[in-house]
Amino acid sequence: WGPENYTIAYDGQLTAEVASISTESFDQAHNKIIEEMVT
């Protein structure tokens, strides 16, 4: 998705089920490997 665009991928994939478990939004993956894969 491009560097620093993890938040766009995250928001696009966010579901109601996941949101009910964790309401926190992520602009970084908090995992460098996942961050590199996505961006």
PDB file of all heavy atoms in Angstrom:
ATOM      1  N   TRP A   1       0.809  -1.211   0.000  1.00  0.00           N
ATOM      2  CA  TRP A   1       0.000   0.000   0.000  1.00  0.00           C
ATOM      3  C   TRP A   1       0.845   1.264   0.000  1.00  0.00           C
ATOM      4  O   TRP A   1       0.315   2.372  -0.125  1.00  0.00           O
ATOM      5  CB  TRP A   1      -0.914   0.010   1.222  1.00  0.00           C
ATOM      6  CG  TRP A   1      -1.950  -1.075   1.213  1.00  0.00           C
ATOM      7  CD1 TRP A   1      -1.736  -2.413   1.404  1.00  0.00           C
ATOM      8  CD2 TRP A   1      -3.347  -0.928   0.991  1.00  0.00           C
ATOM      9  NE1 TRP A   1      -2.912  -3.117   1.317  1.00  0.00           N
ATOM     10  CE2 TRP A   1      -3.928  -2.221   1.067  1.00  0.00           C
ATOM     11  CE3 TRP A   1      -4.184   0.156   0.750  1.00  0.00           C
ATOM     12  CZ2 TRP A   1      -5.284  -2.444   0.906  1.00  0.00           C
ATOM     13  CZ3 TRP A   1      -5.536  -0.057   0.586  1.00  0.00           C
ATOM     14  CH2 TRP A   1      -6.081  -1.349   0.663  1.00  0.00           C
ATOM     15  N   GLY A   2       2.133   1.119   0.168  1.00  0.00           N
ATOM     16  CA  GLY A   2       3.034   2.263   0.248  1.00  0.00           C
ATOM     17  C   GLY A   2       3.440   2.530   1.680  1.00  0.00           C
ATOM     18  O   GLY A   2       2.634   2.368   2.605  1.00  0.00           O
ATOM     19  N   PRO A   3       4.697   2.931   1.910  1.00  0.00           N
ATOM     20  CA  PRO A   3       5.142   3.257   3.271  1.00  0.00           C
ATOM     21  C   PRO A   3       4.224   4.270   3.942  1.00  0.00           C
ATOM     22  O   PRO A   3       3.720   5.199   3.301  1.00  0.00           O
ATOM     23  CB  PRO A   3       6.547   3.857   3.041  1.00  0.00           C
ATOM     24  CG  PRO A   3       7.004   3.240   1.760  1.00  0.00           C
ATOM     25  CD  PRO A   3       5.776   3.077   0.920  1.00  0.00           C
ATOM     26  N   GLU A   4       3.980   4.057   5.224  1.00  0.00           N
ATOM     27  CA  GLU A   4       3.149   4.938   6.054  1.00  0.00           C
ATOM     28  C   GLU A   4       1.661   4.854   5.727  1.00  0.00           C
ATOM     29  O   GLU A   4       0.871   5.630   6.252  1.00  0.00           O
ATOM     30  CB  GLU A   4       3.620   6.399   5.953  1.00  0.00           C
ATOM     31  CG  GLU A   4       5.042   6.617   6.422  1.00  0.00           C
ATOM     32  CD  GLU A   4       5.250   6.224   7.874  1.00  0.00           C
ATOM     33  OE1 GLU A   4       4.732   6.923   8.761  1.00  0.00           O
ATOM     34  OE2 GLU A   4       5.918   5.212   8.120  1.00  0.00           O
ATOM     35  N   ASN A   5       1.278   3.914   4.887  1.00  0.00           N
ATOM     36  CA  ASN A   5      -0.138   3.769   4.520  1.00  0.00           C
ATOM     37  C   ASN A   5      -0.795   2.572   5.197  1.00  0.00           C
ATOM     38  O   ASN A   5      -1.867   2.129   4.768  1.00  0.00           O
ATOM     39  CB  ASN A   5      -0.295   3.631   3.000  1.00  0.00           C
ATOM     40  CG  ASN A   5      -0.018   4.929   2.278  1.00  0.00           C
ATOM     41  OD1 ASN A   5      -0.218   6.010   2.825  1.00  0.00           O
ATOM     42  ND2 ASN A   5       0.466   4.842   1.046  1.00  0.00           N
ATOM     43  N   TYR A   6      -0.169   2.060   6.253  1.00  0.00           N
ATOM     44  CA  TYR A   6      -0.766   0.936   6.959  1.00  0.00           C
ATOM     45  C   TYR A   6      -2.157   1.280   7.473  1.00  0.00           C
ATOM     46  O   TYR A   6      -3.070   0.448   7.431  1.00  0.00           O
ATOM     47  CB  TYR A   6       0.118   0.505   8.136  1.00  0.00           C
ATOM     48  CG  TYR A   6      -0.488  -0.610   8.954  1.00  0.00           C
ATOM     49  CD1 TYR A   6      -0.332  -1.929   8.564  1.00  0.00           C
ATOM     50  CD2 TYR A   6      -1.238  -0.328  10.093  1.00  0.00           C
ATOM     51  CE1 TYR A   6      -0.916  -2.950   9.304  1.00  0.00           C
ATOM     52  CE2 TYR A   6      -1.820  -1.337  10.828  1.00  0.00           C
ATOM     53  CZ  TYR A   6      -1.658  -2.650  10.431  1.00  0.00           C
ATOM     54  OH  TYR A   6      -2.250  -3.653  11.155  1.00  0.00           O
ATOM     55  N   THR A   7      -2.340   2.508   7.939  1.00  0.00           N
ATOM     56  CA  THR A   7      -3.632   2.913   8.493  1.00  0.00           C
ATOM     57  C   THR A   7      -4.760   2.803   7.469  1.00  0.00           C
ATOM     58  O   THR A   7      -5.891   2.475   7.821  1.00  0.00           O
ATOM     59  CB  THR A   7      -3.555   4.356   9.053  1.00  0.00           C
ATOM     60  OG1 THR A   7      -4.777   4.673   9.690  1.00  0.00           O
ATOM     61  CG2 THR A   7      -3.264   5.370   7.949  1.00  0.00           C
ATOM     62  N   ILE A   8      -4.451   3.047   6.193  1.00  0.00           N
ATOM     63  CA  ILE A   8      -5.463   2.932   5.140  1.00  0.00           C
ATOM     64  C   ILE A   8      -5.848   1.474   4.941  1.00  0.00           C
ATOM     65  O   ILE A   8      -7.036   1.133   4.827  1.00  0.00           O
ATOM     66  CB  ILE A   8      -4.944   3.549   3.831  1.00  0.00           C
ATOM     67  CG1 ILE A   8      -4.636   5.028   4.044  1.00  0.00           C
ATOM     68  CG2 ILE A   8      -5.961   3.371   2.703  1.00  0.00           C
ATOM     69  CD1 ILE A   8      -3.998   5.702   2.838  1.00  0.00           C
ATOM     70  N   ALA A   9      -4.846   0.594   4.922  1.00  0.00           N
ATOM     71  CA  ALA A   9      -5.136  -0.835   4.796  1.00  0.00           C
ATOM     72  C   ALA A   9      -5.908  -1.334   6.006  1.00  0.00           C
ATOM     73  O   ALA A   9      -6.850  -2.128   5.874  1.00  0.00           O
ATOM     74  CB  ALA A   9      -3.831  -1.611   4.632  1.00  0.00           C
ATOM     75  N   TYR A  10      -5.532  -0.871   7.193  1.00  0.00           N
ATOM     76  CA  TYR A  10      -6.188  -1.307   8.424  1.00  0.00           C
ATOM     77  C   TYR A  10      -7.654  -0.889   8.430  1.00  0.00           C
ATOM     78  O   TYR A  10      -8.546  -1.707   8.691  1.00  0.00           O
ATOM     79  CB  TYR A  10      -5.458  -0.713   9.631  1.00  0.00           C
ATOM     80  CG  TYR A  10      -6.024  -1.131  10.967  1.00  0.00           C
ATOM     81  CD1 TYR A  10      -5.574  -2.291  11.594  1.00  0.00           C
ATOM     82  CD2 TYR A  10      -6.998  -0.367  11.608  1.00  0.00           C
ATOM     83  CE1 TYR A  10      -6.088  -2.677  12.823  1.00  0.00           C
ATOM     84  CE2 TYR A  10      -7.518  -0.748  12.833  1.00  0.00           C
ATOM     85  CZ  TYR A  10      -7.056  -1.906  13.430  1.00  0.00           C
ATOM     86  OH  TYR A  10      -7.573  -2.292  14.641  1.00  0.00           O
ATOM     87  N   ASP A  11      -7.909   0.382   8.146  1.00  0.00           N
ATOM     88  CA  ASP A  11      -9.291   0.872   8.165  1.00  0.00           C
ATOM     89  C   ASP A  11     -10.140   0.187   7.100  1.00  0.00           C
ATOM     90  O   ASP A  11     -11.330  -0.076   7.320  1.00  0.00           O
ATOM     91  CB  ASP A  11      -9.319   2.385   7.952  1.00  0.00           C
ATOM     92  CG  ASP A  11      -8.722   3.137   9.134  1.00  0.00           C
ATOM     93  OD1 ASP A  11      -8.580   2.529  10.208  1.00  0.00           O
ATOM     94  OD2 ASP A  11      -8.364   4.310   8.962  1.00  0.00           O
ATOM     95  N   GLY A  12      -9.535  -0.131   5.960  1.00  0.00           N
ATOM     96  CA  GLY A  12     -10.287  -0.793   4.893  1.00  0.00           C
ATOM     97  C   GLY A  12     -10.666  -2.216   5.230  1.00  0.00           C
ATOM     98  O   GLY A  12     -11.661  -2.741   4.717  1.00  0.00           O
ATOM     99  N   GLN A  13      -9.882  -2.886   6.096  1.00  0.00           N
ATOM    100  CA  GLN A  13     -10.131  -4.282   6.451  1.00  0.00           C
ATOM    101  C   GLN A  13     -10.855  -4.435   7.783  1.00  0.00           C
ATOM    102  O   GLN A  13     -11.230  -5.539   8.161  1.00  0.00           O
ATOM    103  CB  GLN A  13      -8.789  -5.040   6.523  1.00  0.00           C
ATOM    104  CG  GLN A  13      -8.032  -5.126   5.218  1.00  0.00           C
ATOM    105  CD  GLN A  13      -8.709  -6.047   4.226  1.00  0.00           C
ATOM    106  OE1 GLN A  13      -9.426  -6.972   4.607  1.00  0.00           O
ATOM    107  NE2 GLN A  13      -8.482  -5.805   2.935  1.00  0.00           N
ATOM    108  N   LEU A  14     -11.044  -3.322   8.511  1.00  0.00           N
ATOM    109  CA  LEU A  14     -11.647  -3.401   9.834  1.00  0.00           C
ATOM    110  C   LEU A  14     -13.103  -3.847   9.754  1.00  0.00           C
ATOM    111  O   LEU A  14     -13.890  -3.330   8.963  1.00  0.00           O
ATOM    112  CB  LEU A  14     -11.572  -2.027  10.513  1.00  0.00           C
ATOM    113  CG  LEU A  14     -11.980  -1.971  11.989  1.00  0.00           C
ATOM    114  CD1 LEU A  14     -11.044  -2.806  12.838  1.00  0.00           C
ATOM    115  CD2 LEU A  14     -11.984  -0.512  12.464  1.00  0.00           C
ATOM    116  N   THR A  15     -13.441  -4.835  10.556  1.00  0.00           N
ATOM    117  CA  THR A  15     -14.811  -5.347  10.587  1.00  0.00           C
ATOM    118  C   THR A  15     -15.462  -5.027  11.929  1.00  0.00           C
ATOM    119  O   THR A  15     -14.780  -4.699  12.908  1.00  0.00           O
ATOM    120  CB  THR A  15     -14.822  -6.869  10.374  1.00  0.00           C
ATOM    121  OG1 THR A  15     -14.143  -7.499  11.476  1.00  0.00           O
ATOM    122  CG2 THR A  15     -14.135  -7.244   9.064  1.00  0.00           C
ATOM    123  N   ALA A  16     -16.769  -5.149  11.987  1.00  0.00           N
ATOM    124  CA  ALA A  16     -17.495  -4.889  13.227  1.00  0.00           C
ATOM    125  C   ALA A  16     -17.069  -5.875  14.315  1.00  0.00           C
ATOM    126  O   ALA A  16     -16.983  -5.524  15.502  1.00  0.00           O
ATOM    127  CB  ALA A  16     -18.995  -4.983  12.984  1.00  0.00           C
ATOM    128  N   GLU A  17     -16.782  -7.117  13.916  1.00  0.00           N
ATOM    129  CA  GLU A  17     -16.367  -8.128  14.888  1.00  0.00           C
ATOM    130  C   GLU A  17     -15.050  -7.750  15.545  1.00  0.00           C
ATOM    131  O   GLU A  17     -14.891  -7.817  16.764  1.00  0.00           O
ATOM    132  CB  GLU A  17     -16.220  -9.486  14.200  1.00  0.00           C
ATOM    133  CG  GLU A  17     -15.750 -10.597  15.132  1.00  0.00           C
ATOM    134  CD  GLU A  17     -15.512 -11.905  14.393  1.00  0.00           C
ATOM    135  OE1 GLU A  17     -15.732 -11.942  13.165  1.00  0.00           O
ATOM    136  OE2 GLU A  17     -15.097 -12.866  15.049  1.00  0.00           O
ATOM    137  N   VAL A  18     -14.088  -7.307  14.716  1.00  0.00           N
ATOM    138  CA  VAL A  18     -12.789  -6.909  15.256  1.00  0.00           C
ATOM    139  C   VAL A  18     -12.932  -5.656  16.097  1.00  0.00           C
ATOM    140  O   VAL A  18     -12.339  -5.536  17.174  1.00  0.00           O
ATOM    141  CB  VAL A  18     -11.783  -6.690  14.108  1.00  0.00           C
ATOM    142  CG1 VAL A  18     -10.484  -6.101  14.660  1.00  0.00           C
ATOM    143  CG2 VAL A  18     -11.510  -7.990  13.385  1.00  0.00           C
ATOM    144  N   ALA A  19     -13.729  -4.711  15.635  1.00  0.00           N
ATOM    145  CA  ALA A  19     -13.922  -3.459  16.367  1.00  0.00           C
ATOM    146  C   ALA A  19     -14.545  -3.699  17.736  1.00  0.00           C
ATOM    147  O   ALA A  19     -14.283  -2.969  18.691  1.00  0.00           O
ATOM    148  CB  ALA A  19     -14.787  -2.501  15.552  1.00  0.00           C
ATOM    149  N   SER A  20     -15.381  -4.742  17.853  1.00  0.00           N
ATOM    150  CA  SER A  20     -16.005  -5.043  19.142  1.00  0.00           C
ATOM    151  C   SER A  20     -15.005  -5.621  20.133  1.00  0.00           C
ATOM    152  O   SER A  20     -15.187  -5.531  21.341  1.00  0.00           O
ATOM    153  CB  SER A  20     -17.156  -6.038  18.950  1.00  0.00           C
ATOM    154  OG  SER A  20     -16.665  -7.302  18.495  1.00  0.00           O
ATOM    155  N   ILE A  21     -13.925  -6.227  19.604  1.00  0.00           N
ATOM    156  CA  ILE A  21     -12.885  -6.802  20.468  1.00  0.00           C
ATOM    157  C   ILE A  21     -11.885  -5.734  20.889  1.00  0.00           C
ATOM    158  O   ILE A  21     -11.471  -5.653  22.043  1.00  0.00           O
ATOM    159  CB  ILE A  21     -12.160  -7.958  19.738  1.00  0.00           C
ATOM    160  CG1 ILE A  21     -13.155  -9.072  19.414  1.00  0.00           C
ATOM    161  CG2 ILE A  21     -11.012  -8.497  20.587  1.00  0.00           C
ATOM    162  CD1 ILE A  21     -12.562 -10.182  18.578  1.00  0.00           C
ATOM    163  N   SER A  22     -11.489  -4.903  19.929  1.00  0.00           N
ATOM    164  CA  SER A  22     -10.512  -3.856  20.203  1.00  0.00           C
ATOM    165  C   SER A  22     -10.909  -2.596  19.468  1.00  0.00           C
ATOM    166  O   SER A  22     -11.042  -2.605  18.236  1.00  0.00           O
ATOM    167  CB  SER A  22      -9.105  -4.307  19.759  1.00  0.00           C
ATOM    168  OG  SER A  22      -8.177  -3.265  19.917  1.00  0.00           O
ATOM    169  N   THR A  23     -11.129  -1.531  20.215  1.00  0.00           N
ATOM    170  CA  THR A  23     -11.548  -0.267  19.606  1.00  0.00           C
ATOM    171  C   THR A  23     -10.353   0.601  19.214  1.00  0.00           C
ATOM    172  O   THR A  23     -10.533   1.673  18.647  1.00  0.00           O
ATOM    173  CB  THR A  23     -12.430   0.527  20.599  1.00  0.00           C
ATOM    174  OG1 THR A  23     -11.686   0.755  21.799  1.00  0.00           O
ATOM    175  CG2 THR A  23     -13.700  -0.253  20.920  1.00  0.00           C
ATOM    176  N   GLU A  24      -9.150   0.131  19.501  1.00  0.00           N
ATOM    177  CA  GLU A  24      -7.961   0.911  19.201  1.00  0.00           C
ATOM    178  C   GLU A  24      -7.672   0.906  17.706  1.00  0.00           C
ATOM    179  O   GLU A  24      -7.751  -0.127  17.043  1.00  0.00           O
ATOM    180  CB  GLU A  24      -6.754   0.333  19.959  1.00  0.00           C
ATOM    181  CG  GLU A  24      -5.497   1.170  19.828  1.00  0.00           C
ATOM    182  CD  GLU A  24      -4.358   0.603  20.650  1.00  0.00           C
ATOM    183  OE1 GLU A  24      -4.551  -0.464  21.263  1.00  0.00           O
ATOM    184  OE2 GLU A  24      -3.295   1.230  20.690  1.00  0.00           O
ATOM    185  N   SER A  25      -7.341   2.076  17.158  1.00  0.00           N
ATOM    186  CA  SER A  25      -6.965   2.187  15.760  1.00  0.00           C
ATOM    187  C   SER A  25      -5.450   2.175  15.643  1.00  0.00           C
ATOM    188  O   SER A  25      -4.742   2.665  16.531  1.00  0.00           O
ATOM    189  CB  SER A  25      -7.528   3.478  15.162  1.00  0.00           C
ATOM    190  OG  SER A  25      -7.152   3.588  13.804  1.00  0.00           O
ATOM    191  N   PHE A  26      -4.936   1.617  14.569  1.00  0.00           N
ATOM    192  CA  PHE A  26      -3.495   1.479  14.396  1.00  0.00           C
ATOM    193  C   PHE A  26      -3.057   2.180  13.118  1.00  0.00           C
ATOM    194  O   PHE A  26      -3.554   1.872  12.036  1.00  0.00           O
ATOM    195  CB  PHE A  26      -3.104  -0.005  14.313  1.00  0.00           C
ATOM    196  CG  PHE A  26      -3.188  -0.740  15.624  1.00  0.00           C
ATOM    197  CD1 PHE A  26      -4.386  -1.311  16.041  1.00  0.00           C
ATOM    198  CD2 PHE A  26      -2.081  -0.861  16.440  1.00  0.00           C
ATOM    199  CE1 PHE A  26      -4.470  -1.988  17.238  1.00  0.00           C
ATOM    200  CE2 PHE A  26      -2.155  -1.538  17.646  1.00  0.00           C
ATOM    201  CZ  PHE A  26      -3.351  -2.106  18.050  1.00  0.00           C
ATOM    202  N   ASP A  27      -2.114   3.117  13.254  1.00  0.00           N
ATOM    203  CA  ASP A  27      -1.491   3.690  12.059  1.00  0.00           C
ATOM    204  C   ASP A  27      -0.154   3.018  11.777  1.00  0.00           C
ATOM    205  O   ASP A  27       0.470   3.246  10.749  1.00  0.00           O
ATOM    206  CB  ASP A  27      -1.306   5.200  12.202  1.00  0.00           C
ATOM    207  CG  ASP A  27      -0.254   5.557  13.245  1.00  0.00           C
ATOM    208  OD1 ASP A  27      -0.038   4.745  14.163  1.00  0.00           O
ATOM    209  OD2 ASP A  27       0.341   6.649  13.129  1.00  0.00           O
ATOM    210  N   GLN A  28       0.299   2.171  12.718  1.00  0.00           N
ATOM    211  CA  GLN A  28       1.473   1.318  12.536  1.00  0.00           C
ATOM    212  C   GLN A  28       1.089  -0.083  12.989  1.00  0.00           C
ATOM    213  O   GLN A  28       0.248  -0.251  13.873  1.00  0.00           O
ATOM    214  CB  GLN A  28       2.650   1.827  13.365  1.00  0.00           C
ATOM    215  CG  GLN A  28       3.085   3.247  13.045  1.00  0.00           C
ATOM    216  CD  GLN A  28       3.957   3.332  11.808  1.00  0.00           C
ATOM    217  OE1 GLN A  28       4.558   2.352  11.385  1.00  0.00           O
ATOM    218  NE2 GLN A  28       4.031   4.519  11.212  1.00  0.00           N
ATOM    219  N   ALA A  29       1.729  -1.077  12.414  1.00  0.00           N
ATOM    220  CA  ALA A  29       1.335  -2.461  12.701  1.00  0.00           C
ATOM    221  C   ALA A  29       1.786  -2.951  14.072  1.00  0.00           C
ATOM    222  O   ALA A  29       1.314  -3.985  14.536  1.00  0.00           O
ATOM    223  CB  ALA A  29       1.896  -3.386  11.625  1.00  0.00           C
ATOM    224  N   HIS A  30       2.705  -2.239  14.734  1.00  0.00           N
ATOM    225  CA  HIS A  30       3.296  -2.723  15.985  1.00  0.00           C
ATOM    226  C   HIS A  30       3.948  -4.090  15.788  1.00  0.00           C
ATOM    227  O   HIS A  30       4.027  -4.905  16.705  1.00  0.00           O
ATOM    228  CB  HIS A  30       2.252  -2.786  17.107  1.00  0.00           C
ATOM    229  CG  HIS A  30       1.816  -1.439  17.577  1.00  0.00           C
ATOM    230  ND1 HIS A  30       1.001  -0.618  16.839  1.00  0.00           N
ATOM    231  CD2 HIS A  30       2.086  -0.751  18.722  1.00  0.00           C
ATOM    232  CE1 HIS A  30       0.781   0.499  17.503  1.00  0.00           C
ATOM    233  NE2 HIS A  30       1.433   0.453  18.642  1.00  0.00           N
ATOM    234  N   ASN A  31       4.390  -4.327  14.584  1.00  0.00           N
ATOM    235  CA  ASN A  31       5.167  -5.521  14.234  1.00  0.00           C
ATOM    236  C   ASN A  31       5.873  -5.185  12.931  1.00  0.00           C
ATOM    237  O   ASN A  31       5.229  -4.996  11.904  1.00  0.00           O
ATOM    238  CB  ASN A  31       4.265  -6.742  14.072  1.00  0.00           C
ATOM    239  CG  ASN A  31       5.038  -8.005  13.711  1.00  0.00           C
ATOM    240  OD1 ASN A  31       5.756  -8.049  12.718  1.00  0.00           O
ATOM    241  ND2 ASN A  31       4.884  -9.037  14.516  1.00  0.00           N
ATOM    242  N   LYS A  32       7.189  -5.088  12.977  1.00  0.00           N
ATOM    243  CA  LYS A  32       7.943  -4.593  11.823  1.00  0.00           C
ATOM    244  C   LYS A  32       7.746  -5.463  10.586  1.00  0.00           C
ATOM    245  O   LYS A  32       7.668  -4.942   9.466  1.00  0.00           O
ATOM    246  CB  LYS A  32       9.429  -4.513  12.196  1.00  0.00           C
ATOM    247  CG  LYS A  32      10.300  -3.882  11.124  1.00  0.00           C
ATOM    248  CD  LYS A  32       9.953  -2.443  10.867  1.00  0.00           C
ATOM    249  CE  LYS A  32      10.928  -1.815   9.879  1.00  0.00           C
ATOM    250  NZ  LYS A  32      10.579  -0.410   9.568  1.00  0.00           N
ATOM    251  N   ILE A  33       7.671  -6.773  10.761  1.00  0.00           N
ATOM    252  CA  ILE A  33       7.509  -7.656   9.614  1.00  0.00           C
ATOM    253  C   ILE A  33       6.146  -7.437   8.954  1.00  0.00           C
ATOM    254  O   ILE A  33       6.048  -7.311   7.723  1.00  0.00           O
ATOM    255  CB  ILE A  33       7.658  -9.138  10.029  1.00  0.00           C
ATOM    256  CG1 ILE A  33       9.017  -9.358  10.701  1.00  0.00           C
ATOM    257  CG2 ILE A  33       7.509 -10.046   8.824  1.00  0.00           C
ATOM    258  CD1 ILE A  33      10.193  -9.010   9.851  1.00  0.00           C
ATOM    259  N   ILE A  34       5.093  -7.371   9.769  1.00  0.00           N
ATOM    260  CA  ILE A  34       3.761  -7.099   9.222  1.00  0.00           C
ATOM    261  C   ILE A  34       3.727  -5.728   8.556  1.00  0.00           C
ATOM    262  O   ILE A  34       3.143  -5.554   7.470  1.00  0.00           O
ATOM    263  CB  ILE A  34       2.696  -7.182  10.330  1.00  0.00           C
ATOM    264  CG1 ILE A  34       2.638  -8.593  10.917  1.00  0.00           C
ATOM    265  CG2 ILE A  34       1.325  -6.777   9.795  1.00  0.00           C
ATOM    266  CD1 ILE A  34       2.194  -9.651   9.929  1.00  0.00           C
ATOM    267  N   GLU A  35       4.357  -4.749   9.185  1.00  0.00           N
ATOM    268  CA  GLU A  35       4.419  -3.396   8.618  1.00  0.00           C
ATOM    269  C   GLU A  35       5.053  -3.415   7.224  1.00  0.00           C
ATOM    270  O   GLU A  35       4.545  -2.797   6.276  1.00  0.00           O
ATOM    271  CB  GLU A  35       5.223  -2.486   9.546  1.00  0.00           C
ATOM    272  CG  GLU A  35       5.375  -1.067   9.072  1.00  0.00           C
ATOM    273  CD  GLU A  35       4.152  -0.214   9.333  1.00  0.00           C
ATOM    274  OE1 GLU A  35       3.343  -0.577  10.201  1.00  0.00           O
ATOM    275  OE2 GLU A  35       4.016   0.811   8.646  1.00  0.00           O
ATOM    276  N   GLU A  36       6.158  -4.129   7.093  1.00  0.00           N
ATOM    277  CA  GLU A  36       6.833  -4.204   5.789  1.00  0.00           C
ATOM    278  C   GLU A  36       5.979  -4.935   4.765  1.00  0.00           C
ATOM    279  O   GLU A  36       5.916  -4.543   3.595  1.00  0.00           O
ATOM    280  CB  GLU A  36       8.187  -4.904   5.941  1.00  0.00           C
ATOM    281  CG  GLU A  36       9.185  -4.154   6.806  1.00  0.00           C
ATOM    282  CD  GLU A  36       9.525  -2.783   6.254  1.00  0.00           C
ATOM    283  OE1 GLU A  36       9.839  -2.674   5.053  1.00  0.00           O
ATOM    284  OE2 GLU A  36       9.469  -1.811   7.020  1.00  0.00           O
ATOM    285  N   MET A  37       5.320  -6.005   5.176  1.00  0.00           N
ATOM    286  CA  MET A  37       4.461  -6.761   4.256  1.00  0.00           C
ATOM    287  C   MET A  37       3.337  -5.894   3.714  1.00  0.00           C
ATOM    288  O   MET A  37       3.066  -5.875   2.513  1.00  0.00           O
ATOM    289  CB  MET A  37       3.874  -7.977   4.976  1.00  0.00           C
ATOM    290  CG  MET A  37       4.856  -9.090   5.262  1.00  0.00           C
ATOM    291  SD  MET A  37       4.104 -10.416   6.255  1.00  0.00           S
ATOM    292  CE  MET A  37       2.733 -10.891   5.200  1.00  0.00           C
ATOM    293  N   VAL A  38       2.677  -5.158   4.611  1.00  0.00           N
ATOM    294  CA  VAL A  38       1.511  -4.376   4.213  1.00  0.00           C
ATOM    295  C   VAL A  38       1.919  -3.169   3.387  1.00  0.00           C
ATOM    296  O   VAL A  38       1.306  -2.871   2.361  1.00  0.00           O
ATOM    297  CB  VAL A  38       0.710  -3.935   5.454  1.00  0.00           C
ATOM    298  CG1 VAL A  38      -0.448  -3.027   5.050  1.00  0.00           C
ATOM    299  CG2 VAL A  38       0.193  -5.149   6.205  1.00  0.00           C
ATOM    300  N   THR A  39       2.928  -2.469   3.817  1.00  0.00           N
ATOM    301  CA  THR A  39       3.266  -1.196   3.175  1.00  0.00           C
ATOM    302  C   THR A  39       4.197  -1.329   1.971  1.00  0.00           C
ATOM    303  O   THR A  39       4.169  -0.480   1.083  1.00  0.00           O
ATOM    304  CB  THR A  39       3.904  -0.240   4.190  1.00  0.00           C
ATOM    305  OG1 THR A  39       5.109  -0.827   4.711  1.00  0.00           O
ATOM    306  CG2 THR A  39       2.936   0.040   5.341  1.00  0.00           C
TER     307      THR A  39
END
